[in-house]
Structure formats: structure tokens, C-alpha cells
PDB file of N, CA and C in Angstrom:
ATOM      1  N   UNK A   1       0.818  -1.191   0.000  1.00  0.00           N
ATOM      2  CA  UNK A   1       0.000   0.000   0.000  1.00  0.00           C
ATOM      3  C   UNK A   1       0.868   1.263   0.000  1.00  0.00           C
ATOM      4  N   UNK A   2       2.040   1.173   0.633  1.00  0.00           N
ATOM      5  CA  UNK A   2       2.946   2.328   0.646  1.00  0.00           C
ATOM      6  C   UNK A   2       3.347   2.700  -0.777  1.00  0.00           C
ATOM      7  N   UNK A   3       3.634   1.698  -1.591  1.00  0.00           N
ATOM      8  CA  UNK A   3       3.970   1.971  -2.986  1.00  0.00           C
ATOM      9  C   UNK A   3       2.729   2.418  -3.765  1.00  0.00           C
ATOM     10  N   UNK A   4       1.602   1.791  -3.524  1.00  0.00           N
ATOM     11  CA  UNK A   4       0.366   2.119  -4.235  1.00  0.00           C
ATOM     12  C   UNK A   4      -0.003   3.593  -4.067  1.00  0.00           C
ATOM     13  N   UNK A   5       0.084   4.104  -2.837  1.00  0.00           N
ATOM     14  CA  UNK A   5      -0.284   5.497  -2.577  1.00  0.00           C
ATOM     15  C   UNK A   5       0.848   6.482  -2.875  1.00  0.00           C
ATOM     16  N   UNK A   6       2.017   5.987  -3.218  1.00  0.00           N
ATOM     17  CA  UNK A   6       3.118   6.861  -3.609  1.00  0.00           C
ATOM     18  C   UNK A   6       3.820   7.561  -2.455  1.00  0.00           C
ATOM     19  N   UNK A   7       3.754   6.971  -1.276  1.00  0.00           N
ATOM     20  CA  UNK A   7       4.360   7.605  -0.091  1.00  0.00           C
ATOM     21  C   UNK A   7       5.853   7.885  -0.283  1.00  0.00           C
ATOM     22  N   UNK A   8       6.514   7.016  -1.027  1.00  0.00           N
ATOM     23  CA  UNK A   8       7.940   7.162  -1.251  1.00  0.00           C
ATOM     24  C   UNK A   8       8.319   8.301  -2.169  1.00  0.00           C
ATOM     25  N   UNK A   9       7.342   8.931  -2.806  1.00  0.00           N
ATOM     26  CA  UNK A   9       7.679  10.094  -3.635  1.00  0.00           C
ATOM     27  C   UNK A   9       8.000  11.304  -2.761  1.00  0.00           C
ATOM     28  N   UNK A  10       7.567  11.273  -1.502  1.00  0.00           N
ATOM     29  CA  UNK A  10       7.848  12.378  -0.575  1.00  0.00           C
ATOM     30  C   UNK A  10       8.724  11.971   0.613  1.00  0.00           C
ATOM     31  N   UNK A  11       8.761  10.678   0.921  1.00  0.00           N
ATOM     32  CA  UNK A  11       9.474  10.203   2.109  1.00  0.00           C
ATOM     33  C   UNK A  11      10.515   9.155   1.763  1.00  0.00           C
ATOM     34  N   UNK A  12      11.603   9.145   2.519  1.00  0.00           N
ATOM     35  CA  UNK A  12      12.530   8.023   2.517  1.00  0.00           C
ATOM     36  C   UNK A  12      11.937   7.006   3.489  1.00  0.00           C
ATOM     37  N   UNK A  13      11.711   5.785   2.994  1.00  0.00           N
ATOM     38  CA  UNK A  13      11.091   4.758   3.825  1.00  0.00           C
ATOM     39  C   UNK A  13      11.926   3.486   3.718  1.00  0.00           C
ATOM     40  N   UNK A  14      12.642   3.133   4.788  1.00  0.00           N
ATOM     41  CA  UNK A  14      13.461   1.917   4.757  1.00  0.00           C
ATOM     42  C   UNK A  14      12.631   0.691   4.385  1.00  0.00           C
ATOM     43  N   UNK A  15      13.216  -0.130   3.521  1.00  0.00           N
ATOM     44  CA  UNK A  15      12.572  -1.374   3.132  1.00  0.00           C
ATOM     45  C   UNK A  15      11.592  -1.251   1.985  1.00  0.00           C
ATOM     46  N   UNK A  16      11.361  -0.040   1.503  1.00  0.00           N
ATOM     47  CA  UNK A  16      10.433   0.177   0.395  1.00  0.00           C
ATOM     48  C   UNK A  16      11.233   0.622  -0.832  1.00  0.00           C
ATOM     49  N   UNK A  17      11.217  -0.191  -1.848  1.00  0.00           N
ATOM     50  CA  UNK A  17      11.963   0.089  -3.066  1.00  0.00           C
ATOM     51  C   UNK A  17      11.519   1.414  -3.677  1.00  0.00           C
ATOM     52  N   UNK A  18      12.486   2.269  -3.984  1.00  0.00           N
ATOM     53  CA  UNK A  18      12.211   3.538  -4.633  1.00  0.00           C
ATOM     54  C   UNK A  18      11.706   4.644  -3.718  1.00  0.00           C
ATOM     55  N   UNK A  19      11.549   4.360  -2.428  1.00  0.00           N
ATOM     56  CA  UNK A  19      11.045   5.379  -1.488  1.00  0.00           C
ATOM     57  C   UNK A  19      12.205   6.270  -1.059  1.00  0.00           C
ATOM     58  N   UNK A  20      12.460   7.293  -1.865  1.00  0.00           N
ATOM     59  CA  UNK A  20      13.613   8.157  -1.633  1.00  0.00           C
ATOM     60  C   UNK A  20      13.249   9.637  -1.723  1.00  0.00           C
ATOM     61  N   UNK A  21      11.992   9.956  -1.468  1.00  0.00           N
ATOM     62  CA  UNK A  21      11.538  11.343  -1.564  1.00  0.00           C
ATOM     63  C   UNK A  21      12.140  12.231  -0.496  1.00  0.00           C
ATOM     64  N   UNK A  22      12.251  13.496  -0.822  1.00  0.00           N
ATOM     65  CA  UNK A  22      12.870  14.455   0.097  1.00  0.00           C
ATOM     66  C   UNK A  22      11.921  15.579   0.523  1.00  0.00           C
ATOM     67  N   UNK A  23      10.668  15.533   0.109  1.00  0.00           N
ATOM     68  CA  UNK A  23       9.721  16.591   0.474  1.00  0.00           C
ATOM     69  C   UNK A  23       9.265  16.468   1.927  1.00  0.00           C
ATOM     70  N   UNK A  24       9.044  15.247   2.378  1.00  0.00           N
ATOM     71  CA  UNK A  24       8.631  14.998   3.756  1.00  0.00           C
ATOM     72  C   UNK A  24       9.791  14.413   4.540  1.00  0.00           C
ATOM     73  N   UNK A  25       9.613  14.252   5.841  1.00  0.00           N
ATOM     74  CA  UNK A  25      10.700  13.715   6.655  1.00  0.00           C
ATOM     75  C   UNK A  25      10.945  12.236   6.372  1.00  0.00           C
ATOM     76  N   UNK A  26      12.182  11.783   6.567  1.00  0.00           N
ATOM     77  CA  UNK A  26      12.440  10.348   6.454  1.00  0.00           C
ATOM     78  C   UNK A  26      11.664   9.617   7.549  1.00  0.00           C
ATOM     79  N   UNK A  27      11.164   8.439   7.218  1.00  0.00           N
ATOM     80  CA  UNK A  27      10.338   7.714   8.177  1.00  0.00           C
ATOM     81  C   UNK A  27      11.095   6.625   8.933  1.00  0.00           C
ATOM     82  N   UNK A  28      12.400   6.569   8.762  1.00  0.00           N
ATOM     83  CA  UNK A  28      13.185   5.636   9.570  1.00  0.00           C
ATOM     84  C   UNK A  28      13.034   6.025  11.037  1.00  0.00           C
ATOM     85  N   UNK A  29      12.801   5.057  11.870  1.00  0.00           N
ATOM     86  CA  UNK A  29      12.657   5.304  13.300  1.00  0.00           C
ATOM     87  C   UNK A  29      11.328   5.910  13.705  1.00  0.00           C
ATOM     88  N   UNK A  30      10.357   5.983  12.800  1.00  0.00           N
ATOM     89  CA  UNK A  30       9.071   6.611  13.120  1.00  0.00           C
ATOM     90  C   UNK A  30       8.389   5.943  14.314  1.00  0.00           C
ATOM     91  N   UNK A  31       8.571   4.652  14.478  1.00  0.00           N
ATOM     92  CA  UNK A  31       7.919   3.944  15.581  1.00  0.00           C
ATOM     93  C   UNK A  31       8.445   4.384  16.941  1.00  0.00           C
ATOM     94  N   UNK A  32       9.643   4.924  16.975  1.00  0.00           N
ATOM     95  CA  UNK A  32      10.250   5.342  18.240  1.00  0.00           C
ATOM     96  C   UNK A  32      10.063   6.825  18.540  1.00  0.00           C
ATOM     97  N   UNK A  33       9.472   7.543  17.642  1.00  0.00           N
ATOM     98  CA  UNK A  33       9.285   8.980  17.858  1.00  0.00           C
ATOM     99  C   UNK A  33       8.127   9.239  18.819  1.00  0.00           C
ATOM    100  N   UNK A  34       8.200  10.341  19.520  1.00  0.00           N
ATOM    101  CA  UNK A  34       7.167  10.695  20.497  1.00  0.00           C
ATOM    102  C   UNK A  34       5.954  11.299  19.808  1.00  0.00           C
ATOM    103  N   UNK A  35       6.185  12.067  18.746  1.00  0.00           N
ATOM    104  CA  UNK A  35       5.099  12.756  18.054  1.00  0.00           C
ATOM    105  C   UNK A  35       5.054  12.393  16.577  1.00  0.00           C
ATOM    106  N   UNK A  36       3.863  12.478  16.025  1.00  0.00           N
ATOM    107  CA  UNK A  36       3.638  12.351  14.594  1.00  0.00           C
ATOM    108  C   UNK A  36       3.363  13.766  14.085  1.00  0.00           C
ATOM    109  N   UNK A  37       4.101  14.163  13.061  1.00  0.00           N
ATOM    110  CA  UNK A  37       3.931  15.483  12.455  1.00  0.00           C
ATOM    111  C   UNK A  37       4.122  16.611  13.462  1.00  0.00           C
ATOM    112  N   UNK A  38       4.775  16.337  14.545  1.00  0.00           N
ATOM    113  CA  UNK A  38       5.062  17.359  15.543  1.00  0.00           C
ATOM    114  C   UNK A  38       3.872  17.786  16.377  1.00  0.00           C
ATOM    115  N   UNK A  39       2.709  17.164  16.171  1.00  0.00           N
ATOM    116  CA  UNK A  39       1.511  17.618  16.877  1.00  0.00           C
ATOM    117  C   UNK A  39       0.684  16.511  17.528  1.00  0.00           C
ATOM    118  N   UNK A  40       0.848  15.277  17.101  1.00  0.00           N
ATOM    119  CA  UNK A  40       0.053  14.164  17.640  1.00  0.00           C
ATOM    120  C   UNK A  40       0.928  13.213  18.415  1.00  0.00           C
ATOM    121  N   UNK A  41       0.448  12.761  19.558  1.00  0.00           N
ATOM    122  CA  UNK A  41       1.163  11.708  20.279  1.00  0.00           C
ATOM    123  C   UNK A  41       1.222  10.493  19.360  1.00  0.00           C
ATOM    124  N   UNK A  42       2.365   9.829  19.346  1.00  0.00           N
ATOM    125  CA  UNK A  42       2.572   8.689  18.455  1.00  0.00           C
ATOM    126  C   UNK A  42       1.880   7.447  19.006  1.00  0.00           C
ATOM    127  N   UNK A  43       0.654   7.238  18.549  1.00  0.00           N
ATOM    128  CA  UNK A  43      -0.120   6.029  18.876  1.00  0.00           C
ATOM    129  C   UNK A  43      -0.617   5.439  17.559  1.00  0.00           C
ATOM    130  N   UNK A  44      -0.953   4.155  17.538  1.00  0.00           N
ATOM    131  CA  UNK A  44      -1.485   3.577  16.297  1.00  0.00           C
ATOM    132  C   UNK A  44      -2.731   4.314  15.784  1.00  0.00           C
ATOM    133  N   UNK A  45      -3.617   4.678  16.672  1.00  0.00           N
ATOM    134  CA  UNK A  45      -4.836   5.367  16.251  1.00  0.00           C
ATOM    135  C   UNK A  45      -4.511   6.717  15.609  1.00  0.00           C
ATOM    136  N   UNK A  46      -3.604   7.455  16.224  1.00  0.00           N
ATOM    137  CA  UNK A  46      -3.216   8.753  15.668  1.00  0.00           C
ATOM    138  C   UNK A  46      -2.457   8.609  14.357  1.00  0.00           C
ATOM    139  N   UNK A  47      -1.632   7.575  14.250  1.00  0.00           N
ATOM    140  CA  UNK A  47      -0.907   7.339  13.004  1.00  0.00           C
ATOM    141  C   UNK A  47      -1.899   7.076  11.874  1.00  0.00           C
ATOM    142  N   UNK A  48      -2.896   6.262  12.133  1.00  0.00           N
ATOM    143  CA  UNK A  48      -3.896   5.967  11.107  1.00  0.00           C
ATOM    144  C   UNK A  48      -4.688   7.229  10.747  1.00  0.00           C
ATOM    145  N   UNK A  49      -5.036   8.002  11.747  1.00  0.00           N
ATOM    146  CA  UNK A  49      -5.746   9.270  11.504  1.00  0.00           C
ATOM    147  C   UNK A  49      -4.933  10.183  10.601  1.00  0.00           C
ATOM    148  N   UNK A  50      -3.657  10.315  10.897  1.00  0.00           N
ATOM    149  CA  UNK A  50      -2.760  11.162  10.112  1.00  0.00           C
ATOM    150  C   UNK A  50      -2.658  10.666   8.673  1.00  0.00           C
ATOM    151  N   UNK A  51      -2.489   9.364   8.512  1.00  0.00           N
ATOM    152  CA  UNK A  51      -2.336   8.789   7.175  1.00  0.00           C
ATOM    153  C   UNK A  51      -3.621   8.963   6.357  1.00  0.00           C
ATOM    154  N   UNK A  52      -4.759   8.765   6.994  1.00  0.00           N
ATOM    155  CA  UNK A  52      -6.035   8.866   6.286  1.00  0.00           C
ATOM    156  C   UNK A  52      -6.357  10.289   5.841  1.00  0.00           C
ATOM    157  N   UNK A  53      -6.147  11.255   6.721  1.00  0.00           N
ATOM    158  CA  UNK A  53      -6.521  12.628   6.378  1.00  0.00           C
ATOM    159  C   UNK A  53      -5.699  13.622   7.190  1.00  0.00           C
ATOM    160  N   UNK A  54      -4.489  13.906   6.732  1.00  0.00           N
ATOM    161  CA  UNK A  54      -3.588  14.772   7.501  1.00  0.00           C
ATOM    162  C   UNK A  54      -4.113  16.186   7.741  1.00  0.00           C
ATOM    163  N   UNK A  55      -4.918  16.700   6.856  1.00  0.00           N
ATOM    164  CA  UNK A  55      -5.424  18.074   7.006  1.00  0.00           C
ATOM    165  C   UNK A  55      -6.369  18.215   8.208  1.00  0.00           C
ATOM    166  N   UNK A  56      -6.972  17.121   8.679  1.00  0.00           N
ATOM    167  CA  UNK A  56      -7.823  17.214   9.869  1.00  0.00           C
ATOM    168  C   UNK A  56      -6.983  17.387  11.127  1.00  0.00           C
ATOM    169  N   UNK A  57      -5.710  17.047  11.024  1.00  0.00           N
ATOM    170  CA  UNK A  57      -4.782  17.192  12.152  1.00  0.00           C
ATOM    171  C   UNK A  57      -4.100  18.550  12.101  1.00  0.00           C
ATOM    172  N   UNK A  58      -3.633  18.911  10.910  1.00  0.00           N
ATOM    173  CA  UNK A  58      -2.918  20.178  10.723  1.00  0.00           C
ATOM    174  C   UNK A  58      -3.299  20.744   9.362  1.00  0.00           C
ATOM    175  N   UNK A  59      -4.139  21.747   9.357  1.00  0.00           N
ATOM    176  CA  UNK A  59      -4.634  22.296   8.087  1.00  0.00           C
ATOM    177  C   UNK A  59      -3.534  22.902   7.229  1.00  0.00           C
ATOM    178  N   UNK A  60      -2.376  23.203   7.814  1.00  0.00           N
ATOM    179  CA  UNK A  60      -1.282  23.814   7.053  1.00  0.00           C
ATOM    180  C   UNK A  60      -0.263  22.796   6.540  1.00  0.00           C
ATOM    181  N   UNK A  61      -0.462  21.519   6.838  1.00  0.00           N
ATOM    182  CA  UNK A  61       0.489  20.519   6.372  1.00  0.00           C
ATOM    183  C   UNK A  61       0.509  20.459   4.851  1.00  0.00           C
ATOM    184  N   UNK A  62       1.650  20.149   4.299  1.00  0.00           N
ATOM    185  CA  UNK A  62       1.740  19.951   2.855  1.00  0.00           C
ATOM    186  C   UNK A  62       1.456  18.499   2.474  1.00  0.00           C
ATOM    187  N   UNK A  63       1.331  17.637   3.465  1.00  0.00           N
ATOM    188  CA  UNK A  63       0.991  16.245   3.162  1.00  0.00           C
ATOM    189  C   UNK A  63      -0.439  16.198   2.630  1.00  0.00           C
ATOM    190  N   UNK A  64      -0.604  15.630   1.436  1.00  0.00           N
ATOM    191  CA  UNK A  64      -1.933  15.621   0.835  1.00  0.00           C
ATOM    192  C   UNK A  64      -2.823  14.511   1.382  1.00  0.00           C
ATOM    193  N   UNK A  65      -4.110  14.697   1.216  1.00  0.00           N
ATOM    194  CA  UNK A  65      -5.063  13.635   1.484  1.00  0.00           C
ATOM    195  C   UNK A  65      -5.069  12.758   0.237  1.00  0.00           C
ATOM    196  N   UNK A  66      -4.573  11.546   0.371  1.00  0.00           N
ATOM    197  CA  UNK A  66      -4.432  10.648  -0.776  1.00  0.00           C
ATOM    198  C   UNK A  66      -5.602   9.680  -0.906  1.00  0.00           C
ATOM    199  N   UNK A  67      -6.619   9.853  -0.065  1.00  0.00           N
ATOM    200  CA  UNK A  67      -7.760   8.954  -0.125  1.00  0.00           C
ATOM    201  C   UNK A  67      -7.467   7.574   0.425  1.00  0.00           C
ATOM    202  N   UNK A  68      -6.557   7.507   1.387  1.00  0.00           N
ATOM    203  CA  UNK A  68      -6.195   6.219   1.984  1.00  0.00           C
ATOM    204  C   UNK A  68      -7.383   5.691   2.785  1.00  0.00           C
ATOM    205  N   UNK A  69      -7.748   4.464   2.528  1.00  0.00           N
ATOM    206  CA  UNK A  69      -8.867   3.852   3.235  1.00  0.00           C
ATOM    207  C   UNK A  69      -8.447   3.498   4.660  1.00  0.00           C
ATOM    208  N   UNK A  70      -9.399   3.340   5.566  1.00  0.00           N
ATOM    209  CA  UNK A  70      -9.046   2.935   6.932  1.00  0.00           C
ATOM    210  C   UNK A  70      -8.263   1.617   6.979  1.00  0.00           C
ATOM    211  N   UNK A  71      -8.659   0.659   6.167  1.00  0.00           N
ATOM    212  CA  UNK A  71      -7.944  -0.624   6.158  1.00  0.00           C
ATOM    213  C   UNK A  71      -6.511  -0.451   5.662  1.00  0.00           C
ATOM    214  N   UNK A  72      -6.329   0.347   4.606  1.00  0.00           N
ATOM    215  CA  UNK A  72      -4.978   0.587   4.096  1.00  0.00           C
ATOM    216  C   UNK A  72      -4.147   1.399   5.089  1.00  0.00           C
ATOM    217  N   UNK A  73      -4.776   2.355   5.769  1.00  0.00           N
ATOM    218  CA  UNK A  73      -4.060   3.131   6.789  1.00  0.00           C
ATOM    219  C   UNK A  73      -3.577   2.220   7.904  1.00  0.00           C
ATOM    220  N   UNK A  74      -4.386   1.249   8.278  1.00  0.00           N
ATOM    221  CA  UNK A  74      -3.980   0.291   9.320  1.00  0.00           C
ATOM    222  C   UNK A  74      -2.793  -0.535   8.851  1.00  0.00           C
ATOM    223  N   UNK A  75      -2.807  -0.968   7.590  1.00  0.00           N
ATOM    224  CA  UNK A  75      -1.682  -1.742   7.057  1.00  0.00           C
ATOM    225  C   UNK A  75      -0.416  -0.896   6.968  1.00  0.00           C
ATOM    226  N   UNK A  76      -0.550   0.335   6.500  1.00  0.00           N
ATOM    227  CA  UNK A  76       0.614   1.228   6.395  1.00  0.00           C
ATOM    228  C   UNK A  76       1.181   1.517   7.772  1.00  0.00           C
ATOM    229  N   UNK A  77       0.313   1.846   8.725  1.00  0.00           N
ATOM    230  CA  UNK A  77       0.759   2.116  10.103  1.00  0.00           C
ATOM    231  C   UNK A  77       1.443   0.876  10.669  1.00  0.00           C
ATOM    232  N   UNK A  78       0.880  -0.285  10.403  1.00  0.00           N
ATOM    233  CA  UNK A  78       1.498  -1.535  10.883  1.00  0.00           C
ATOM    234  C   UNK A  78       2.921  -1.670  10.409  1.00  0.00           C
ATOM    235  N   UNK A  79       3.164  -1.361   9.145  1.00  0.00           N
ATOM    236  CA  UNK A  79       4.525  -1.418   8.630  1.00  0.00           C
ATOM    237  C   UNK A  79       5.404  -0.345   9.263  1.00  0.00           C
ATOM    238  N   UNK A  80       4.888   0.874   9.351  1.00  0.00           N
ATOM    239  CA  UNK A  80       5.694   1.963   9.916  1.00  0.00           C
ATOM    240  C   UNK A  80       6.100   1.676  11.353  1.00  0.00           C
ATOM    241  N   UNK A  81       5.270   0.957  12.086  1.00  0.00           N
ATOM    242  CA  UNK A  81       5.618   0.630  13.470  1.00  0.00           C
ATOM    243  C   UNK A  81       6.688  -0.455  13.574  1.00  0.00           C
ATOM    244  N   UNK A  82       7.109  -1.015  12.451  1.00  0.00           N
ATOM    245  CA  UNK A  82       8.274  -1.919  12.475  1.00  0.00           C
ATOM    246  C   UNK A  82       9.574  -1.134  12.360  1.00  0.00           C
ATOM    247  N   UNK A  83       9.467   0.150  12.018  1.00  0.00           N
ATOM    248  CA  UNK A  83      10.659   0.987  11.783  1.00  0.00           C
ATOM    249  C   UNK A  83      11.087   1.654  13.089  1.00  0.00           C
ATOM    250  N   UNK A  84      11.891   0.957  13.841  1.00  0.00           N
ATOM    251  CA  UNK A  84      12.370   1.447  15.129  1.00  0.00           C
ATOM    252  C   UNK A  84      13.747   1.950  14.947  1.00  0.00           C
TER     253      UNK A  84
END
């Protein structure tokens, strides 16, 4: 799903082929960070919320709403939580 939604066009994501984007922060170690996007406590629920619709968290974010479904957000978050 990370490749399907094109997350790697903006982020460096370990383990994802071609994920070498420089527009957003690198996601290595995301599971160990205290905050998501600098504003949300790093919990699975908040990670899924952010992935599904980032503008509801921070209206000024440049991260677009990619139409990620709740099920896909859960799968993406599951993978990101392996990145310690």
C-alpha cells in the first residue's frame, strides 16, 4: 500500500523500493518517535488518523489527502511501526 499510494515520492522509507523522496521527513525510526507530524502523540490510532486525512490534524500541512482507506491506513501504520 505504501507503494500504491506513492508515499515514497515524498518520504525516505526503509525497506520500500524507490522510497527516496525528500519533500517529507524520512520515516526511519518513526515507531520510536514521540510525536507524529510534531503535533500528535505517536499512537497507532493517531498514526492511522494522520495517514487517512492529515489536514484534519494540521490544516497547514503539505501532506496531501491521498484517499487512503481505513484498512490501508492500518496496514501502512502496521509497517511503519516496524521501523524502530
